[in-house]
Amino acid sequence: MNNLREEIGGYFGLDLPEYGALYPQAVHYQSARSALRAVLECQGIHRVWMPAYVCDSVLRAADAAGIEARTYGLDNSLYPSDLPSTLLDDEVVLYVNYFGLCQSVVKRLQTQYLLEHLIIDNSQALFAPHNGELATIYSPRKFAGLPDGGLLLHSSRLSITVPSVEDQGSFERMKYLLLRTSCSAREGYAAFQEARNSLQNLPPMTMSRLTRRLIRSIDWQQVRSRRRDNFAVIAQRLNPMNAIQWLPTDDDVPLCYPLVLRGIDVAAIKAHLTAQNIFTATYWPDALPRLKPGSIEAALAQDTLFLPVDQRLDPTRMEIFVQYILDMLRSLPSDRADQS
């Protein structure tokens, strides 16, 4: 009995189910940003090509790693439009698997470049596979209620030193999750922003034991199937009015449904939805100074509603939600709204 590692008896902790690790072989970091910085620091990379449409924190990760970052644009299929056709030995390309809907682009890149030159940012594509690229990075907290955490899968060509220091900030970052559970999303939003900001400019640390345990308590297969089902419902109804026709492959598990509405005041729609307790994400308006006016990236940054399709919505609620969005858009004085 004395040799048992687990504690027996005493007061109760949280009763959490056990579904197993999400990616058991991954290196666990306190955030996806830290995982990216660790990759850039350890490989002797001197230049990384990054999409212009990306959050500033990704560019800061390159700066913190002390390497040169150059940006590229995207065509209408979200494939890189102005990358060099060949890369030097000390160059890599970072591609973001946007909204969990761009695995076909990732596969195309894998035929264009050597895998050792590719870093795939799957922060928005939790279930997309690692296929031998130099590095693949995940952010589970974007898909479920977690305080922090990032995962790194990498090729044998990458020599990663696992951080020796464990992140101790997860307890404080739990505040917004508890406030949403006990109060509301509105009352927890300030704490959510604080938690997100607390992950900036930190050196790479290993994921906390709290976050590791919480990850194992989530039924990720249910998350995967519900998101795909919900996306199918919303795409069937809203694709006709969308500037991008989203057609997920079998490998795509959506983060959200991006509804691109050119010529419509999306900010006003978001404000209206927020007043009705319908909360939509905003992705990277800080990138706008880097984007060409009229480009698809600019439309994503300023003309897009990122509608939820997550596992909290069942098909019945999804149908009601989609109908509400349709009714609201049909009431707008816009030619595009009439296309529904």
Protein backbone atom coordinates (compact mmCIF):
# COMPACT_ATOMS: atom_id res chain seq x y z
CA MET A 1 0.00 0.00 0.00
CA ASN A 2 2.75 2.48 0.85
CA ASN A 3 4.11 2.16 -2.69
CA LEU A 4 0.91 3.49 -4.32
CA ARG A 5 1.54 6.80 -6.10
CA GLU A 6 -2.08 7.95 -6.07
CA GLU A 7 -3.66 9.46 -3.01
CA ILE A 8 -6.34 7.44 -1.22
CA GLY A 9 -9.05 8.93 0.99
CA GLY A 10 -9.32 12.49 2.24
CA TYR A 11 -11.57 15.19 0.88
CA PHE A 12 -13.08 14.98 -2.59
CA GLY A 13 -11.77 16.81 -5.63
CA LEU A 14 -13.62 17.52 -8.84
CA ASP A 15 -15.36 14.50 -10.36
CA LEU A 16 -14.01 14.50 -13.89
CA PRO A 17 -14.54 11.79 -16.52
CA GLU A 18 -11.50 10.16 -18.09
CA TYR A 19 -11.42 9.93 -21.89
CA GLY A 20 -7.66 9.78 -22.34
CA ALA A 21 -5.13 12.19 -23.75
CA LEU A 22 -5.88 14.08 -26.97
CA TYR A 23 -2.42 13.67 -28.53
CA PRO A 24 -0.43 11.49 -26.12
CA GLN A 25 2.80 11.81 -28.11
CA ALA A 26 2.70 15.62 -28.28
CA VAL A 27 4.95 18.00 -26.40
CA HIS A 28 2.68 19.94 -24.03
CA TYR A 29 3.15 23.72 -23.73
CA GLN A 30 1.24 26.42 -21.89
CA SER A 31 0.05 27.85 -25.24
CA ALA A 32 0.26 27.31 -28.98
CA ARG A 33 2.21 30.55 -29.22
CA SER A 34 4.86 29.17 -26.87
CA ALA A 35 5.03 25.97 -28.91
CA LEU A 36 5.67 28.01 -32.05
CA ARG A 37 8.36 30.05 -30.34
CA ALA A 38 10.04 26.86 -29.13
CA VAL A 39 10.11 25.52 -32.70
CA LEU A 40 11.58 28.71 -34.10
CA GLU A 41 14.20 28.91 -31.37
CA CYS A 42 15.55 25.39 -31.57
CA GLN A 43 16.02 24.70 -35.25
CA GLY A 44 18.55 27.23 -36.48
CA ILE A 45 15.90 28.82 -38.70
CA HIS A 46 16.81 32.28 -39.98
CA ARG A 47 13.63 33.22 -41.85
CA VAL A 48 9.97 32.25 -41.55
CA TRP A 49 7.31 33.10 -44.12
CA MET A 50 4.01 33.87 -42.39
CA PRO A 51 0.60 34.85 -43.75
CA ALA A 52 -0.16 38.54 -43.48
CA TYR A 53 -3.58 37.49 -42.19
CA VAL A 54 -2.54 36.28 -38.77
CA CYS A 55 -2.65 37.72 -35.27
CA ASP A 56 0.18 39.99 -34.20
CA SER A 57 1.18 37.56 -31.45
CA VAL A 58 2.40 35.06 -34.06
CA LEU A 59 4.70 37.68 -35.55
CA ARG A 60 5.88 38.53 -32.05
CA ALA A 61 6.78 34.88 -31.51
CA ALA A 62 9.19 35.10 -34.43
CA ASP A 63 10.61 38.32 -33.07
CA ALA A 64 11.08 36.75 -29.63
CA ALA A 65 12.87 33.83 -31.28
CA GLY A 66 15.22 36.28 -32.99
CA ILE A 67 14.45 35.30 -36.58
CA GLU A 68 13.29 37.26 -39.61
CA ALA A 69 9.59 37.10 -40.47
CA ARG A 70 8.26 37.87 -43.94
CA THR A 71 4.59 37.85 -44.83
CA TYR A 72 2.69 36.51 -47.82
CA GLY A 73 -0.82 36.97 -49.17
CA LEU A 74 -3.59 34.48 -49.91
CA ASP A 75 -5.62 33.84 -53.02
CA ASN A 76 -9.38 33.28 -52.96
CA SER A 77 -8.91 29.62 -52.00
CA LEU A 78 -6.73 30.75 -49.06
CA TYR A 79 -3.65 29.25 -50.71
CA PRO A 80 -0.43 31.33 -50.45
CA SER A 81 -0.28 33.66 -53.46
CA ASP A 82 3.22 35.11 -53.35
CA LEU A 83 5.57 32.65 -51.70
CA PRO A 84 8.91 31.90 -53.36
CA SER A 85 8.73 28.71 -55.40
CA THR A 86 11.79 27.32 -53.63
CA LEU A 87 13.09 27.89 -50.13
CA LEU A 88 16.59 28.18 -48.76
CA ASP A 89 17.74 25.56 -46.27
CA ASP A 90 17.26 27.98 -43.36
CA GLU A 91 13.74 29.10 -44.41
CA VAL A 92 10.38 27.70 -43.37
CA VAL A 93 6.76 28.44 -44.24
CA LEU A 94 4.13 28.80 -41.54
CA TYR A 95 0.60 28.16 -42.79
CA VAL A 96 -2.55 28.64 -40.73
CA ASN A 97 -5.23 26.00 -41.23
CA TYR A 98 -7.91 28.68 -41.22
CA PHE A 99 -11.11 27.97 -39.27
CA GLY A 100 -10.45 24.22 -39.44
CA LEU A 101 -11.48 24.34 -43.12
CA CYS A 102 -8.23 24.37 -45.08
CA GLN A 103 -6.82 20.86 -44.91
CA SER A 104 -6.96 20.67 -48.71
CA VAL A 105 -4.63 23.69 -48.83
CA VAL A 106 -2.28 22.01 -46.37
CA LYS A 107 -2.14 18.94 -48.62
CA ARG A 108 -1.38 21.12 -51.62
CA LEU A 109 1.47 22.81 -49.75
CA GLN A 110 2.87 19.39 -48.90
CA THR A 111 3.24 18.69 -52.61
CA GLN A 112 4.85 22.08 -53.28
CA TYR A 113 7.48 22.13 -50.53
CA LEU A 114 9.60 19.68 -48.61
CA LEU A 115 7.90 18.71 -45.38
CA GLU A 116 10.95 19.85 -43.41
CA HIS A 117 10.18 23.41 -44.54
CA LEU A 118 6.56 23.42 -43.32
CA ILE A 119 5.12 24.48 -39.98
CA ILE A 120 1.35 23.98 -39.86
CA ASP A 121 -0.53 26.12 -37.36
CA ASN A 122 -3.55 23.98 -36.50
CA SER A 123 -4.65 26.27 -33.66
CA GLN A 124 -7.99 26.52 -35.47
CA ALA A 125 -7.93 22.92 -36.73
CA LEU A 126 -7.63 20.73 -33.66
CA PHE A 127 -8.40 17.46 -35.42
CA ALA A 128 -6.28 17.91 -38.55
CA PRO A 129 -3.51 15.30 -38.68
CA HIS A 130 0.22 15.76 -38.42
CA ASN A 131 1.65 14.32 -41.64
CA GLY A 132 5.39 14.55 -41.16
CA GLU A 133 5.81 18.32 -41.39
CA LEU A 134 8.60 19.91 -39.41
CA ALA A 135 6.03 20.93 -36.80
CA THR A 136 2.27 20.95 -36.27
CA ILE A 137 0.80 23.10 -33.50
CA TYR A 138 -2.59 22.81 -31.80
CA SER A 139 -4.61 24.93 -29.35
CA PRO A 140 -7.27 22.79 -27.61
CA ARG A 141 -8.62 25.76 -25.63
CA LYS A 142 -10.14 27.18 -28.82
CA PHE A 143 -12.40 24.12 -29.03
CA ALA A 144 -13.42 23.55 -25.39
CA GLY A 145 -13.41 25.10 -21.94
CA LEU A 146 -9.73 25.09 -20.98
CA PRO A 147 -7.66 27.80 -19.30
CA ASP A 148 -4.62 27.48 -21.56
CA GLY A 149 -2.50 24.88 -23.34
CA GLY A 150 -0.76 24.17 -26.62
CA LEU A 151 0.35 20.93 -28.26
CA LEU A 152 3.26 20.28 -30.60
CA LEU A 153 3.74 17.30 -32.88
CA HIS A 154 7.00 17.34 -34.81
CA SER A 155 9.20 15.33 -37.13
CA SER A 156 12.33 13.55 -35.98
CA ARG A 157 14.32 16.23 -37.81
CA LEU A 158 13.33 18.74 -35.13
CA SER A 159 15.28 18.51 -31.90
CA ILE A 160 12.98 19.83 -29.19
CA THR A 161 14.01 20.32 -25.58
CA VAL A 162 10.96 19.86 -23.38
CA PRO A 163 10.60 22.82 -20.99
CA SER A 164 11.62 22.02 -17.43
CA VAL A 165 9.44 24.72 -15.87
CA GLU A 166 5.71 24.03 -15.45
CA ASP A 167 3.24 26.83 -16.04
CA GLN A 168 1.65 27.90 -12.76
CA GLY A 169 -0.92 30.33 -14.16
CA SER A 170 -3.75 27.90 -14.91
CA PHE A 171 -5.46 28.31 -11.54
CA GLU A 172 -5.88 32.05 -12.07
CA ARG A 173 -6.93 31.57 -15.69
CA MET A 174 -9.72 29.24 -14.55
CA LYS A 175 -11.58 32.29 -13.29
CA TYR A 176 -13.35 33.08 -16.56
CA LEU A 177 -14.47 29.47 -16.97
CA LEU A 178 -15.92 29.43 -13.47
CA LEU A 179 -17.60 32.81 -13.95
CA ARG A 180 -19.27 31.64 -17.15
CA THR A 181 -20.47 28.47 -15.40
CA SER A 182 -21.73 30.21 -12.28
CA CYS A 183 -22.80 33.57 -13.75
CA SER A 184 -22.69 34.40 -17.46
CA ALA A 185 -20.38 34.92 -20.42
CA ARG A 186 -20.72 38.68 -20.00
CA GLU A 187 -19.61 38.58 -16.37
CA GLY A 188 -16.66 36.37 -17.26
CA TYR A 189 -15.48 38.26 -20.33
CA ALA A 190 -13.04 40.59 -18.56
CA ALA A 191 -11.45 37.58 -16.86
CA PHE A 192 -11.29 35.86 -20.25
CA GLN A 193 -9.35 38.78 -21.70
CA GLU A 194 -7.03 38.80 -18.69
CA ALA A 195 -6.38 35.08 -19.10
CA ARG A 196 -5.61 35.49 -22.79
CA ASN A 197 -3.32 38.46 -22.19
CA SER A 198 -1.46 36.60 -19.45
CA LEU A 199 -0.15 34.15 -22.06
CA GLN A 200 1.63 36.84 -24.07
CA ASN A 201 5.38 37.27 -24.00
CA LEU A 202 6.01 34.24 -21.83
CA PRO A 203 8.96 31.92 -22.41
CA PRO A 204 7.96 28.37 -23.36
CA MET A 205 6.83 26.37 -20.34
CA THR A 206 5.31 22.94 -20.02
CA MET A 207 1.54 22.63 -19.73
CA SER A 208 0.17 22.63 -16.19
CA ARG A 209 -1.03 19.40 -14.66
CA LEU A 210 -4.45 21.00 -14.21
CA THR A 211 -4.84 21.65 -17.94
CA ARG A 212 -3.55 18.18 -18.81
CA ARG A 213 -6.20 16.64 -16.58
CA LEU A 214 -8.97 18.84 -17.96
CA ILE A 215 -8.06 17.86 -21.52
CA ARG A 216 -8.49 14.20 -20.61
CA SER A 217 -11.98 14.90 -19.26
CA ILE A 218 -13.37 16.04 -22.64
CA ASP A 219 -15.06 13.67 -25.07
CA TRP A 220 -13.19 14.88 -28.13
CA GLN A 221 -14.94 12.50 -30.51
CA GLN A 222 -18.26 14.04 -29.53
CA VAL A 223 -16.76 17.50 -30.05
CA ARG A 224 -15.60 16.46 -33.51
CA SER A 225 -18.86 14.94 -34.70
CA ARG A 226 -21.12 17.68 -33.30
CA ARG A 227 -19.09 20.45 -34.92
CA ARG A 228 -19.23 18.76 -38.31
CA ASP A 229 -22.97 18.15 -37.99
CA ASN A 230 -23.68 21.73 -36.93
CA PHE A 231 -21.55 23.12 -39.72
CA ALA A 232 -23.48 21.07 -42.27
CA VAL A 233 -26.75 22.59 -41.03
CA ILE A 234 -25.53 26.16 -41.24
CA ALA A 235 -23.67 25.74 -44.54
CA GLN A 236 -26.72 24.35 -46.29
CA ARG A 237 -28.71 27.46 -45.39
CA LEU A 238 -26.08 30.21 -45.55
CA ASN A 239 -23.66 29.17 -48.31
CA PRO A 240 -25.89 30.76 -51.00
CA MET A 241 -25.30 34.23 -49.51
CA ASN A 242 -21.66 33.66 -48.57
CA ALA A 243 -18.83 35.17 -50.61
CA ILE A 244 -16.91 31.92 -49.90
CA GLN A 245 -18.53 28.57 -50.55
CA TRP A 246 -17.22 26.40 -47.71
CA LEU A 247 -17.11 22.72 -48.68
CA PRO A 248 -15.33 20.81 -45.89
CA THR A 249 -13.39 17.68 -46.69
CA ASP A 250 -13.54 14.58 -44.51
CA ASP A 251 -10.43 15.85 -42.70
CA ASP A 252 -11.95 19.23 -41.78
CA VAL A 253 -13.50 19.87 -38.37
CA PRO A 254 -14.67 23.48 -38.28
CA LEU A 255 -13.85 26.00 -35.60
CA CYS A 256 -16.77 28.18 -36.74
CA TYR A 257 -18.77 29.11 -39.83
CA PRO A 258 -17.22 32.18 -41.53
CA LEU A 259 -20.01 34.11 -43.22
CA VAL A 260 -18.37 36.64 -45.55
CA LEU A 261 -20.75 39.52 -46.26
CA ARG A 262 -19.14 42.09 -48.51
CA GLY A 263 -20.89 45.46 -48.55
CA ILE A 264 -22.72 44.93 -45.26
CA ASP A 265 -21.99 46.62 -41.94
CA VAL A 266 -20.82 43.50 -40.13
CA ALA A 267 -19.87 45.46 -37.01
CA ALA A 268 -23.48 46.59 -36.62
CA ILE A 269 -24.70 43.00 -37.04
CA LYS A 270 -22.25 41.81 -34.40
CA ALA A 271 -23.46 44.50 -32.00
CA HIS A 272 -27.06 43.44 -32.60
CA LEU A 273 -26.23 39.78 -32.02
CA THR A 274 -24.32 40.60 -28.84
CA ALA A 275 -27.37 42.46 -27.52
CA GLN A 276 -29.29 39.21 -28.04
CA ASN A 277 -26.61 37.21 -26.16
CA ILE A 278 -25.27 35.71 -29.39
CA PHE A 279 -21.50 36.05 -29.25
CA THR A 280 -19.32 35.83 -32.35
CA ALA A 281 -15.54 35.83 -32.50
CA THR A 282 -13.41 38.41 -34.29
CA TYR A 283 -10.26 37.20 -36.01
CA TRP A 284 -7.32 39.51 -36.35
CA PRO A 285 -8.48 43.03 -37.21
CA ASP A 286 -4.95 43.95 -36.04
CA ALA A 287 -3.76 42.41 -39.32
CA LEU A 288 -5.62 44.96 -41.48
CA PRO A 289 -2.62 47.31 -41.96
CA ARG A 290 -0.76 44.36 -43.55
CA LEU A 291 -3.61 43.39 -45.90
CA LYS A 292 -4.40 44.61 -49.41
CA PRO A 293 -7.73 46.47 -49.61
CA GLY A 294 -10.30 44.33 -51.37
CA SER A 295 -8.38 41.10 -50.76
CA ILE A 296 -9.98 37.98 -49.34
CA GLU A 297 -7.94 38.45 -46.17
CA ALA A 298 -9.33 41.98 -45.73
CA ALA A 299 -12.85 40.61 -46.17
CA LEU A 300 -12.19 37.98 -43.51
CA ALA A 301 -10.82 40.60 -41.13
CA GLN A 302 -13.62 43.15 -41.48
CA ASP A 303 -16.58 41.75 -43.47
CA THR A 304 -17.12 38.36 -41.84
CA LEU A 305 -19.38 36.94 -39.17
CA PHE A 306 -17.73 33.97 -37.49
CA LEU A 307 -20.80 32.06 -36.38
CA PRO A 308 -20.56 29.38 -33.68
CA VAL A 309 -20.98 25.72 -34.60
CA ASP A 310 -19.58 24.27 -31.41
CA GLN A 311 -20.64 21.23 -29.43
CA ARG A 312 -22.91 23.18 -27.08
CA LEU A 313 -25.43 23.48 -29.91
CA ASP A 314 -27.54 20.49 -30.89
CA PRO A 315 -29.22 20.19 -34.32
CA THR A 316 -32.54 21.59 -33.07
CA ARG A 317 -30.97 24.69 -31.55
CA MET A 318 -28.79 25.03 -34.63
CA GLU A 319 -31.83 25.19 -36.89
CA ILE A 320 -33.40 27.89 -34.71
CA PHE A 321 -30.14 29.85 -34.65
CA VAL A 322 -29.70 29.67 -38.43
CA GLN A 323 -33.28 30.80 -39.00
CA TYR A 324 -32.70 33.78 -36.71
CA ILE A 325 -29.59 34.76 -38.68
CA LEU A 326 -31.48 34.41 -41.97
CA ASP A 327 -34.40 36.52 -40.76
CA MET A 328 -32.04 39.21 -39.53
CA LEU A 329 -30.08 39.33 -42.78
CA ARG A 330 -33.23 39.42 -44.90
CA SER A 331 -34.30 42.53 -43.01
CA LEU A 332 -31.16 44.39 -44.07
CA PRO A 333 -31.32 46.89 -46.99
CA SER A 334 -28.68 45.03 -48.98
CA ASP A 335 -28.61 43.21 -52.30
CA ARG A 336 -26.50 40.49 -50.76
CA ALA A 337 -29.03 39.88 -48.01
CA ASP A 338 -31.64 39.33 -50.73
CA GLN A 339 -29.60 36.47 -52.18
CA SER A 340 -30.83 34.09 -49.48
